[in-house]
C-alpha atoms as a PDB file:
ATOM      1  CA  UNK A   1     -32.650  39.612 -18.845  1.00  0.00           C
ATOM      2  CA  UNK A   2     -29.752  42.045 -18.821  1.00  0.00           C
ATOM      3  CA  UNK A   3     -28.396  43.079 -15.468  1.00  0.00           C
ATOM      4  CA  UNK A   4     -29.647  46.513 -14.486  1.00  0.00           C
ATOM      5  CA  UNK A   5     -27.811  48.912 -12.199  1.00  0.00           C
ATOM      6  CA  UNK A   6     -28.175  52.230 -10.458  1.00  0.00           C
ATOM      7  CA  UNK A   7     -25.628  54.212  -8.489  1.00  0.00           C
ATOM      8  CA  UNK A   8     -25.829  55.902  -5.110  1.00  0.00           C
ATOM      9  CA  UNK A   9     -23.143  58.546  -4.726  1.00  0.00           C
ATOM     10  CA  UNK A  10     -21.228  56.759  -7.481  1.00  0.00           C
ATOM     11  CA  UNK A  11     -21.426  53.294  -5.898  1.00  0.00           C
ATOM     12  CA  UNK A  12     -23.109  50.719  -8.184  1.00  0.00           C
ATOM     13  CA  UNK A  13     -26.057  48.619  -7.030  1.00  0.00           C
ATOM     14  CA  UNK A  14     -28.214  46.014  -8.772  1.00  0.00           C
ATOM     15  CA  UNK A  15     -31.858  46.610  -9.623  1.00  0.00           C
ATOM     16  CA  UNK A  16     -34.406  43.803  -9.397  1.00  0.00           C
ATOM     17  CA  UNK A  17     -37.142  43.476 -12.007  1.00  0.00           C
ATOM     18  CA  UNK A  18     -37.833  44.659 -15.523  1.00  0.00           C
ATOM     19  CA  UNK A  19     -37.112  48.037 -17.034  1.00  0.00           C
ATOM     20  CA  UNK A  20     -40.556  49.372 -17.870  1.00  0.00           C
ATOM     21  CA  UNK A  21     -40.957  51.594 -20.908  1.00  0.00           C
ATOM     22  CA  UNK A  22     -43.566  53.836 -22.471  1.00  0.00           C
ATOM     23  CA  UNK A  23     -46.246  51.614 -24.013  1.00  0.00           C
ATOM     24  CA  UNK A  24     -45.938  48.852 -21.369  1.00  0.00           C
ATOM     25  CA  UNK A  25     -48.951  47.864 -19.314  1.00  0.00           C
ATOM     26  CA  UNK A  26     -48.460  49.124 -15.750  1.00  0.00           C
ATOM     27  CA  UNK A  27     -47.991  46.100 -13.442  1.00  0.00           C
ATOM     28  CA  UNK A  28     -50.352  45.808 -10.504  1.00  0.00           C
ATOM     29  CA  UNK A  29     -48.930  45.995  -6.984  1.00  0.00           C
ATOM     30  CA  UNK A  30     -49.979  45.980  -3.370  1.00  0.00           C
ATOM     31  CA  UNK A  31     -48.586  48.773  -1.245  1.00  0.00           C
ATOM     32  CA  UNK A  32     -49.572  49.854   2.275  1.00  0.00           C
ATOM     33  CA  UNK A  33     -51.204  53.263   2.679  1.00  0.00           C
ATOM     34  CA  UNK A  34     -50.766  55.554   5.695  1.00  0.00           C
ATOM     35  CA  UNK A  35     -53.804  53.973   7.346  1.00  0.00           C
ATOM     36  CA  UNK A  36     -52.153  50.521   7.081  1.00  0.00           C
ATOM     37  CA  UNK A  37     -54.621  49.430   4.401  1.00  0.00           C
ATOM     38  CA  UNK A  38     -53.637  47.795   1.093  1.00  0.00           C
ATOM     39  CA  UNK A  39     -53.391  50.051  -1.950  1.00  0.00           C
ATOM     40  CA  UNK A  40     -53.331  48.515  -5.430  1.00  0.00           C
ATOM     41  CA  UNK A  41     -52.925  50.108  -8.827  1.00  0.00           C
ATOM     42  CA  UNK A  42     -56.462  48.924  -9.545  1.00  0.00           C
ATOM     43  CA  UNK A  43     -57.651  51.093  -6.597  1.00  0.00           C
ATOM     44  CA  UNK A  44     -56.539  54.197  -8.490  1.00  0.00           C
ATOM     45  CA  UNK A  45     -58.060  55.684 -11.630  1.00  0.00           C
ATOM     46  CA  UNK A  46     -57.338  58.204 -14.334  1.00  0.00           C
ATOM     47  CA  UNK A  47     -53.931  59.608 -15.130  1.00  0.00           C
ATOM     48  CA  UNK A  48     -51.374  58.955 -12.414  1.00  0.00           C
ATOM     49  CA  UNK A  49     -47.836  60.105 -11.735  1.00  0.00           C
ATOM     50  CA  UNK A  50     -45.978  57.443  -9.775  1.00  0.00           C
ATOM     51  CA  UNK A  51     -43.012  59.086  -8.076  1.00  0.00           C
ATOM     52  CA  UNK A  52     -40.599  56.544  -6.587  1.00  0.00           C
ATOM     53  CA  UNK A  53     -38.097  57.600  -3.918  1.00  0.00           C
ATOM     54  CA  UNK A  54     -35.633  55.799  -1.613  1.00  0.00           C
ATOM     55  CA  UNK A  55     -36.721  57.614   1.585  1.00  0.00           C
ATOM     56  CA  UNK A  56     -38.758  60.746   2.290  1.00  0.00           C
ATOM     57  CA  UNK A  57     -36.252  61.621   5.033  1.00  0.00           C
ATOM     58  CA  UNK A  58     -33.491  62.438   2.547  1.00  0.00           C
ATOM     59  CA  UNK A  59     -33.013  65.825   0.844  1.00  0.00           C
ATOM     60  CA  UNK A  60     -33.692  64.946  -2.816  1.00  0.00           C
ATOM     61  CA  UNK A  61     -36.679  62.707  -1.955  1.00  0.00           C
ATOM     62  CA  UNK A  62     -38.072  65.493   0.243  1.00  0.00           C
ATOM     63  CA  UNK A  63     -37.678  68.030  -2.577  1.00  0.00           C
ATOM     64  CA  UNK A  64     -39.103  65.649  -5.200  1.00  0.00           C
ATOM     65  CA  UNK A  65     -42.229  64.935  -3.171  1.00  0.00           C
ATOM     66  CA  UNK A  66     -42.747  68.601  -2.276  1.00  0.00           C
ATOM     67  CA  UNK A  67     -42.371  69.562  -5.963  1.00  0.00           C
ATOM     68  CA  UNK A  68     -45.007  67.061  -7.093  1.00  0.00           C
ATOM     69  CA  UNK A  69     -47.267  68.207  -4.236  1.00  0.00           C
ATOM     70  CA  UNK A  70     -46.957  71.811  -5.495  1.00  0.00           C
ATOM     71  CA  UNK A  71     -47.632  70.745  -9.095  1.00  0.00           C
ATOM     72  CA  UNK A  72     -50.699  68.695  -8.087  1.00  0.00           C
ATOM     73  CA  UNK A  73     -52.887  71.796  -7.740  1.00  0.00           C
ATOM     74  CA  UNK A  74     -52.110  72.668 -11.397  1.00  0.00           C
ATOM     75  CA  UNK A  75     -53.063  69.142 -12.516  1.00  0.00           C
ATOM     76  CA  UNK A  76     -56.594  68.498 -11.247  1.00  0.00           C
ATOM     77  CA  UNK A  77     -57.081  65.532 -13.620  1.00  0.00           C
ATOM     78  CA  UNK A  78     -53.908  63.788 -12.399  1.00  0.00           C
ATOM     79  CA  UNK A  79     -53.345  61.886  -9.151  1.00  0.00           C
ATOM     80  CA  UNK A  80     -49.847  61.590  -7.715  1.00  0.00           C
ATOM     81  CA  UNK A  81     -48.583  58.598  -5.777  1.00  0.00           C
ATOM     82  CA  UNK A  82     -45.221  58.622  -4.018  1.00  0.00           C
ATOM     83  CA  UNK A  83     -43.791  55.174  -3.304  1.00  0.00           C
ATOM     84  CA  UNK A  84     -40.962  54.371  -0.885  1.00  0.00           C
ATOM     85  CA  UNK A  85     -40.023  51.630   1.546  1.00  0.00           C
ATOM     86  CA  UNK A  86     -40.430  54.019   4.488  1.00  0.00           C
ATOM     87  CA  UNK A  87     -42.839  52.674   7.086  1.00  0.00           C
ATOM     88  CA  UNK A  88     -46.381  54.065   6.714  1.00  0.00           C
ATOM     89  CA  UNK A  89     -46.043  55.776  10.119  1.00  0.00           C
ATOM     90  CA  UNK A  90     -42.930  57.618   8.925  1.00  0.00           C
ATOM     91  CA  UNK A  91     -44.625  58.613   5.659  1.00  0.00           C
ATOM     92  CA  UNK A  92     -47.633  59.996   7.552  1.00  0.00           C
ATOM     93  CA  UNK A  93     -45.378  61.901   9.977  1.00  0.00           C
ATOM     94  CA  UNK A  94     -43.292  63.316   7.114  1.00  0.00           C
ATOM     95  CA  UNK A  95     -46.382  64.446   5.146  1.00  0.00           C
ATOM     96  CA  UNK A  96     -47.758  66.217   8.231  1.00  0.00           C
ATOM     97  CA  UNK A  97     -44.457  67.934   9.003  1.00  0.00           C
ATOM     98  CA  UNK A  98     -43.921  68.929   5.346  1.00  0.00           C
ATOM     99  CA  UNK A  99     -47.492  70.064   4.745  1.00  0.00           C
ATOM    100  CA  UNK A 100     -47.817  67.608   1.857  1.00  0.00           C
ATOM    101  CA  UNK A 101     -51.514  67.005   1.335  1.00  0.00           C
ATOM    102  CA  UNK A 102     -52.064  66.555  -2.417  1.00  0.00           C
ATOM    103  CA  UNK A 103     -49.778  63.560  -2.942  1.00  0.00           C
ATOM    104  CA  UNK A 104     -50.688  60.088  -1.709  1.00  0.00           C
ATOM    105  CA  UNK A 105     -47.779  58.243  -0.106  1.00  0.00           C
ATOM    106  CA  UNK A 106     -47.676  54.462   0.074  1.00  0.00           C
ATOM    107  CA  UNK A 107     -45.105  52.000   1.358  1.00  0.00           C
ATOM    108  CA  UNK A 108     -43.511  48.970  -0.300  1.00  0.00           C
ATOM    109  CA  UNK A 109     -41.996  47.845   3.028  1.00  0.00           C
ATOM    110  CA  UNK A 110     -43.909  44.562   3.422  1.00  0.00           C
ATOM    111  CA  UNK A 111     -42.713  42.517   0.472  1.00  0.00           C
ATOM    112  CA  UNK A 112     -41.206  44.823  -2.122  1.00  0.00           C
ATOM    113  CA  UNK A 113     -43.649  43.639  -4.782  1.00  0.00           C
ATOM    114  CA  UNK A 114     -43.954  47.119  -6.294  1.00  0.00           C
ATOM    115  CA  UNK A 115     -40.188  47.511  -6.607  1.00  0.00           C
ATOM    116  CA  UNK A 116     -39.743  44.049  -8.076  1.00  0.00           C
ATOM    117  CA  UNK A 117     -42.623  44.454 -10.581  1.00  0.00           C
ATOM    118  CA  UNK A 118     -41.668  47.992 -11.611  1.00  0.00           C
ATOM    119  CA  UNK A 119     -37.896  47.401 -11.631  1.00  0.00           C
ATOM    120  CA  UNK A 120     -37.085  49.926  -8.914  1.00  0.00           C
ATOM    121  CA  UNK A 121     -35.924  47.687  -6.045  1.00  0.00           C
ATOM    122  CA  UNK A 122     -32.241  48.050  -5.159  1.00  0.00           C
ATOM    123  CA  UNK A 123     -31.266  44.467  -4.381  1.00  0.00           C
ATOM    124  CA  UNK A 124     -28.500  45.072  -1.843  1.00  0.00           C
ATOM    125  CA  UNK A 125     -30.324  47.792   0.122  1.00  0.00           C
ATOM    126  CA  UNK A 126     -33.991  46.683  -0.209  1.00  0.00           C
ATOM    127  CA  UNK A 127     -35.060  50.253  -0.910  1.00  0.00           C
ATOM    128  CA  UNK A 128     -36.381  51.807  -4.112  1.00  0.00           C
ATOM    129  CA  UNK A 129     -34.237  53.644  -6.631  1.00  0.00           C
ATOM    130  CA  UNK A 130     -35.402  57.047  -7.877  1.00  0.00           C
ATOM    131  CA  UNK A 131     -37.870  56.829 -10.757  1.00  0.00           C
ATOM    132  CA  UNK A 132     -40.953  58.531 -12.175  1.00  0.00           C
ATOM    133  CA  UNK A 133     -43.715  56.979 -14.252  1.00  0.00           C
ATOM    134  CA  UNK A 134     -46.873  58.338 -15.837  1.00  0.00           C
ATOM    135  CA  UNK A 135     -49.764  55.901 -16.233  1.00  0.00           C
ATOM    136  CA  UNK A 136     -52.743  56.842 -18.390  1.00  0.00           C
ATOM    137  CA  UNK A 137     -56.401  56.110 -17.649  1.00  0.00           C
ATOM    138  CA  UNK A 138     -56.166  52.758 -19.443  1.00  0.00           C
ATOM    139  CA  UNK A 139     -53.278  51.542 -17.288  1.00  0.00           C
ATOM    140  CA  UNK A 140     -50.570  52.055 -19.907  1.00  0.00           C
ATOM    141  CA  UNK A 141     -47.249  53.643 -19.020  1.00  0.00           C
ATOM    142  CA  UNK A 142     -46.774  56.773 -21.132  1.00  0.00           C
ATOM    143  CA  UNK A 143     -43.559  57.964 -19.461  1.00  0.00           C
ATOM    144  CA  UNK A 144     -40.818  56.129 -17.574  1.00  0.00           C
ATOM    145  CA  UNK A 145     -37.595  57.492 -16.123  1.00  0.00           C
ATOM    146  CA  UNK A 146     -35.174  55.542 -13.970  1.00  0.00           C
ATOM    147  CA  UNK A 147     -32.767  58.164 -12.632  1.00  0.00           C
ATOM    148  CA  UNK A 148     -29.269  56.634 -13.107  1.00  0.00           C
ATOM    149  CA  UNK A 149     -27.799  58.238  -9.961  1.00  0.00           C
ATOM    150  CA  UNK A 150     -30.113  57.948  -6.943  1.00  0.00           C
ATOM    151  CA  UNK A 151     -28.870  61.268  -5.510  1.00  0.00           C
ATOM    152  CA  UNK A 152     -29.960  63.184  -8.662  1.00  0.00           C
ATOM    153  CA  UNK A 153     -33.345  64.776  -9.329  1.00  0.00           C
ATOM    154  CA  UNK A 154     -35.699  63.327 -11.939  1.00  0.00           C
ATOM    155  CA  UNK A 155     -36.785  65.209 -15.068  1.00  0.00           C
ATOM    156  CA  UNK A 156     -39.766  67.005 -13.534  1.00  0.00           C
ATOM    157  CA  UNK A 157     -40.695  68.808 -16.751  1.00  0.00           C
ATOM    158  CA  UNK A 158     -40.655  65.560 -18.742  1.00  0.00           C
ATOM    159  CA  UNK A 159     -42.926  63.780 -16.268  1.00  0.00           C
ATOM    160  CA  UNK A 160     -45.295  66.731 -15.872  1.00  0.00           C
ATOM    161  CA  UNK A 161     -45.487  67.224 -19.637  1.00  0.00           C
ATOM    162  CA  UNK A 162     -46.324  63.542 -20.128  1.00  0.00           C
ATOM    163  CA  UNK A 163     -48.990  63.718 -17.412  1.00  0.00           C
ATOM    164  CA  UNK A 164     -50.562  66.800 -19.014  1.00  0.00           C
ATOM    165  CA  UNK A 165     -50.546  65.100 -22.425  1.00  0.00           C
ATOM    166  CA  UNK A 166     -52.107  61.929 -21.003  1.00  0.00           C
ATOM    167  CA  UNK A 167     -54.783  64.018 -19.274  1.00  0.00           C
ATOM    168  CA  UNK A 168     -55.458  66.007 -22.429  1.00  0.00           C
ATOM    169  CA  UNK A 169     -54.503  69.258 -20.701  1.00  0.00           C
END
């Protein structure tokens, strides 16, 4: 497997795991929800946007999660999951403070199995890179973007367009 990299403010870091592409089966995972319960891909249904961020307490991650929260009301047939390695307590606090109530946040802090299976784990930092995926109702990835520079925003329009197409909207 070719070595995969991302940058954070221009500094290169190694990514663990495969580079998922449109047409790939979405790998299962076990995250921890804000109630400290396990959350697996198989616990979710329908079309899903999986928004991956390094930490909700950083400006771009904050803006990304707020943007998807705003868009959620326009996409009733789509669920949105934000994944980070932030502790579940921090995610819950952040959601309350930010008024984010339409996006589900879940943490990969325990073992990083999401990041390793989805190719988003930054090896040296043990946090996620920035990425967005759309998974259809059959569990197939229909959109995948690994943002090359962690400090940059993802292609919101691309992800939202793919989610609408997958939902038949």
